[in-house]
Amino acid sequence: MLVEQRTYVLVTSASLREYLHHYETIGLPVQKPILGGFLGYFVTEFGVQNQLVHLWAYADLEDRRRRREELAANEQWQRCLAIIRPMIMTMENKVMYPTSFSPIRSLPVQTGEEHTALS
């Protein structure tokens, strides 16, 4: 299992509230069933301003590749990207593997919703 951390910093002229509205209403409903493994979406209060961090769990790199490819082909996701991409100044992705003592070490991951089973 792996966790992908995606960190975006919005341009200073972008509205965080507007970005989150478009993402929550257009993007996330498409991403969740395709990507599975949604662990959370976070904004910063201190430190880098206009920063967003989201976490996604995958079985392995091939699972991630296959799911991201399917997402890229989705028309609704492309519609969302056309709206939110101009708001993003920087993007950074990290792939992280859990340690032996991490409470999240395997799938399915319980996120407070139903278990997210990935295969």
C-alpha atoms as a PDB file:
ATOM      1  CA  MET A   1       0.000   0.000   0.000  1.00  0.00           C
ATOM      2  CA  LEU A   2       1.096   3.576  -0.618  1.00  0.00           C
ATOM      3  CA  VAL A   3      -0.223   7.060   0.108  1.00  0.00           C
ATOM      4  CA  GLU A   4       0.093   9.886  -2.386  1.00  0.00           C
ATOM      5  CA  GLN A   5       0.324  13.372  -0.925  1.00  0.00           C
ATOM      6  CA  ARG A   6      -0.605  16.094  -3.401  1.00  0.00           C
ATOM      7  CA  THR A   7       0.197  19.662  -2.331  1.00  0.00           C
ATOM      8  CA  TYR A   8      -1.051  22.678  -4.258  1.00  0.00           C
ATOM      9  CA  VAL A   9      -0.440  26.361  -3.631  1.00  0.00           C
ATOM     10  CA  LEU A  10      -2.980  28.679  -5.199  1.00  0.00           C
ATOM     11  CA  VAL A  11      -2.077  31.937  -6.899  1.00  0.00           C
ATOM     12  CA  THR A  12      -2.591  34.894  -4.571  1.00  0.00           C
ATOM     13  CA  SER A  13      -5.483  36.226  -6.659  1.00  0.00           C
ATOM     14  CA  ALA A  14      -7.396  32.930  -6.408  1.00  0.00           C
ATOM     15  CA  SER A  15     -10.215  32.514  -3.926  1.00  0.00           C
ATOM     16  CA  LEU A  16      -9.662  29.492  -1.703  1.00  0.00           C
ATOM     17  CA  ARG A  17     -13.402  29.310  -1.086  1.00  0.00           C
ATOM     18  CA  GLU A  18     -14.136  29.308  -4.847  1.00  0.00           C
ATOM     19  CA  TYR A  19     -11.486  26.641  -5.532  1.00  0.00           C
ATOM     20  CA  LEU A  20     -12.857  24.382  -2.797  1.00  0.00           C
ATOM     21  CA  HIS A  21     -16.443  24.878  -4.018  1.00  0.00           C
ATOM     22  CA  HIS A  22     -15.592  23.830  -7.599  1.00  0.00           C
ATOM     23  CA  TYR A  23     -13.449  20.937  -6.440  1.00  0.00           C
ATOM     24  CA  GLU A  24     -16.033  19.641  -3.953  1.00  0.00           C
ATOM     25  CA  THR A  25     -19.001  19.918  -6.320  1.00  0.00           C
ATOM     26  CA  ILE A  26     -17.409  18.959  -9.672  1.00  0.00           C
ATOM     27  CA  GLY A  27     -14.060  17.228  -9.105  1.00  0.00           C
ATOM     28  CA  LEU A  28     -14.375  15.166  -5.948  1.00  0.00           C
ATOM     29  CA  PRO A  29     -17.598  13.365  -6.979  1.00  0.00           C
ATOM     30  CA  VAL A  30     -15.714  12.073 -10.030  1.00  0.00           C
ATOM     31  CA  GLN A  31     -12.433  11.335  -8.269  1.00  0.00           C
ATOM     32  CA  LYS A  32     -13.769   9.323  -5.341  1.00  0.00           C
ATOM     33  CA  PRO A  33     -15.296   6.419  -7.311  1.00  0.00           C
ATOM     34  CA  ILE A  34     -12.418   6.296  -9.819  1.00  0.00           C
ATOM     35  CA  LEU A  35      -9.443   6.776  -7.499  1.00  0.00           C
ATOM     36  CA  GLY A  36     -10.900   5.223  -4.346  1.00  0.00           C
ATOM     37  CA  GLY A  37      -8.739   5.562  -1.250  1.00  0.00           C
ATOM     38  CA  PHE A  38      -9.656   9.160  -0.442  1.00  0.00           C
ATOM     39  CA  LEU A  39      -8.014   9.897   2.931  1.00  0.00           C
ATOM     40  CA  GLY A  40      -8.592  13.626   3.244  1.00  0.00           C
ATOM     41  CA  TYR A  41      -8.287  17.167   1.938  1.00  0.00           C
ATOM     42  CA  PHE A  42      -6.687  19.829   4.109  1.00  0.00           C
ATOM     43  CA  VAL A  43      -6.022  23.586   4.065  1.00  0.00           C
ATOM     44  CA  THR A  44      -3.351  25.432   6.008  1.00  0.00           C
ATOM     45  CA  GLU A  45      -3.963  27.929   8.780  1.00  0.00           C
ATOM     46  CA  PHE A  46      -0.315  28.762   9.484  1.00  0.00           C
ATOM     47  CA  GLY A  47       2.771  28.544   7.288  1.00  0.00           C
ATOM     48  CA  VAL A  48       2.290  28.609   3.522  1.00  0.00           C
ATOM     49  CA  GLN A  49      -0.958  30.410   2.746  1.00  0.00           C
ATOM     50  CA  ASN A  50      -3.412  29.227   0.080  1.00  0.00           C
ATOM     51  CA  GLN A  51      -1.967  25.725   0.400  1.00  0.00           C
ATOM     52  CA  LEU A  52      -4.063  22.595  -0.083  1.00  0.00           C
ATOM     53  CA  VAL A  53      -2.947  19.063   0.776  1.00  0.00           C
ATOM     54  CA  HIS A  54      -4.849  15.944  -0.174  1.00  0.00           C
ATOM     55  CA  LEU A  55      -4.075  12.307   0.501  1.00  0.00           C
ATOM     56  CA  TRP A  56      -5.020   9.243  -1.550  1.00  0.00           C
ATOM     57  CA  ALA A  57      -4.286   5.565  -0.817  1.00  0.00           C
ATOM     58  CA  TYR A  58      -3.471   3.043  -3.540  1.00  0.00           C
ATOM     59  CA  ALA A  59      -2.612  -0.634  -3.519  1.00  0.00           C
ATOM     60  CA  ASP A  60       0.642   0.041  -5.427  1.00  0.00           C
ATOM     61  CA  LEU A  61       2.103   2.223  -8.186  1.00  0.00           C
ATOM     62  CA  GLU A  62       0.371   0.246 -10.942  1.00  0.00           C
ATOM     63  CA  ASP A  63      -2.987   0.701  -9.201  1.00  0.00           C
ATOM     64  CA  ARG A  64      -2.284   4.446  -8.999  1.00  0.00           C
ATOM     65  CA  ARG A  65      -1.243   4.637 -12.655  1.00  0.00           C
ATOM     66  CA  ARG A  66      -4.333   2.785 -13.859  1.00  0.00           C
ATOM     67  CA  ARG A  67      -6.741   4.865 -11.763  1.00  0.00           C
ATOM     68  CA  ARG A  68      -5.112   8.205 -12.674  1.00  0.00           C
ATOM     69  CA  GLU A  69      -5.272   7.239 -16.357  1.00  0.00           C
ATOM     70  CA  GLU A  70      -8.994   6.512 -16.053  1.00  0.00           C
ATOM     71  CA  LEU A  71      -9.520   9.823 -14.257  1.00  0.00           C
ATOM     72  CA  ALA A  72      -7.644  11.753 -16.964  1.00  0.00           C
ATOM     73  CA  ALA A  73     -10.043  10.345 -19.596  1.00  0.00           C
ATOM     74  CA  ASN A  74     -13.136  11.491 -17.682  1.00  0.00           C
ATOM     75  CA  GLU A  75     -14.959  14.486 -19.224  1.00  0.00           C
ATOM     76  CA  GLN A  76     -16.302  15.795 -15.917  1.00  0.00           C
ATOM     77  CA  TRP A  77     -12.788  15.728 -14.432  1.00  0.00           C
ATOM     78  CA  GLN A  78     -11.472  17.636 -17.460  1.00  0.00           C
ATOM     79  CA  ARG A  79     -14.251  20.200 -16.927  1.00  0.00           C
ATOM     80  CA  CYS A  80     -13.149  20.609 -13.312  1.00  0.00           C
ATOM     81  CA  LEU A  81      -9.492  20.967 -14.319  1.00  0.00           C
ATOM     82  CA  ALA A  82     -10.377  23.747 -16.775  1.00  0.00           C
ATOM     83  CA  ILE A  83     -11.792  25.696 -13.822  1.00  0.00           C
ATOM     84  CA  ILE A  84      -9.277  24.937 -11.058  1.00  0.00           C
ATOM     85  CA  ARG A  85      -5.927  24.655 -12.892  1.00  0.00           C
ATOM     86  CA  PRO A  86      -5.645  28.410 -13.549  1.00  0.00           C
ATOM     87  CA  MET A  87      -6.008  28.915  -9.777  1.00  0.00           C
ATOM     88  CA  ILE A  88      -2.979  26.716  -8.987  1.00  0.00           C
ATOM     89  CA  MET A  89       0.496  28.243  -8.805  1.00  0.00           C
ATOM     90  CA  THR A  90       2.514  25.159  -7.746  1.00  0.00           C
ATOM     91  CA  MET A  91       1.863  21.437  -7.484  1.00  0.00           C
ATOM     92  CA  GLU A  92       3.931  18.807  -5.675  1.00  0.00           C
ATOM     93  CA  ASN A  93       3.319  15.071  -5.413  1.00  0.00           C
ATOM     94  CA  LYS A  94       4.910  12.647  -2.983  1.00  0.00           C
ATOM     95  CA  VAL A  95       4.435   8.898  -2.828  1.00  0.00           C
ATOM     96  CA  MET A  96       4.877   7.599   0.702  1.00  0.00           C
ATOM     97  CA  TYR A  97       4.988   4.080   2.085  1.00  0.00           C
ATOM     98  CA  PRO A  98       3.817   3.394   5.645  1.00  0.00           C
ATOM     99  CA  THR A  99       6.268   2.295   8.314  1.00  0.00           C
ATOM    100  CA  SER A 100       5.774  -0.954  10.208  1.00  0.00           C
ATOM    101  CA  PHE A 101       4.259   0.981  13.134  1.00  0.00           C
ATOM    102  CA  SER A 102       1.938   3.236  11.124  1.00  0.00           C
ATOM    103  CA  PRO A 103      -1.757   2.842  11.979  1.00  0.00           C
ATOM    104  CA  ILE A 104      -2.443   2.959   8.215  1.00  0.00           C
ATOM    105  CA  ARG A 105      -0.505   0.067   6.686  1.00  0.00           C
ATOM    106  CA  SER A 106      -2.917  -1.782   4.442  1.00  0.00           C
ATOM    107  CA  LEU A 107      -6.097  -1.561   2.436  1.00  0.00           C
ATOM    108  CA  PRO A 108      -8.936  -1.139   2.918  1.00  0.00           C
ATOM    109  CA  VAL A 109      -8.357   2.083   4.849  1.00  0.00           C
ATOM    110  CA  GLN A 110     -11.143   3.183   7.173  1.00  0.00           C
ATOM    111  CA  THR A 111     -11.781   6.906   6.668  1.00  0.00           C
ATOM    112  CA  GLY A 112     -14.940   7.406   8.702  1.00  0.00           C
ATOM    113  CA  GLU A 113     -17.029   6.510   5.666  1.00  0.00           C
ATOM    114  CA  GLU A 114     -17.513   2.990   4.415  1.00  0.00           C
ATOM    115  CA  HIS A 115     -14.286   1.037   3.967  1.00  0.00           C
ATOM    116  CA  THR A 116     -12.569   1.898   0.715  1.00  0.00           C
ATOM    117  CA  ALA A 117     -11.623  -1.357  -0.936  1.00  0.00           C
ATOM    118  CA  LEU A 118      -9.049  -1.059  -3.710  1.00  0.00           C
ATOM    119  CA  SER A 119      -8.018  -3.868  -5.958  1.00  0.00           C
END
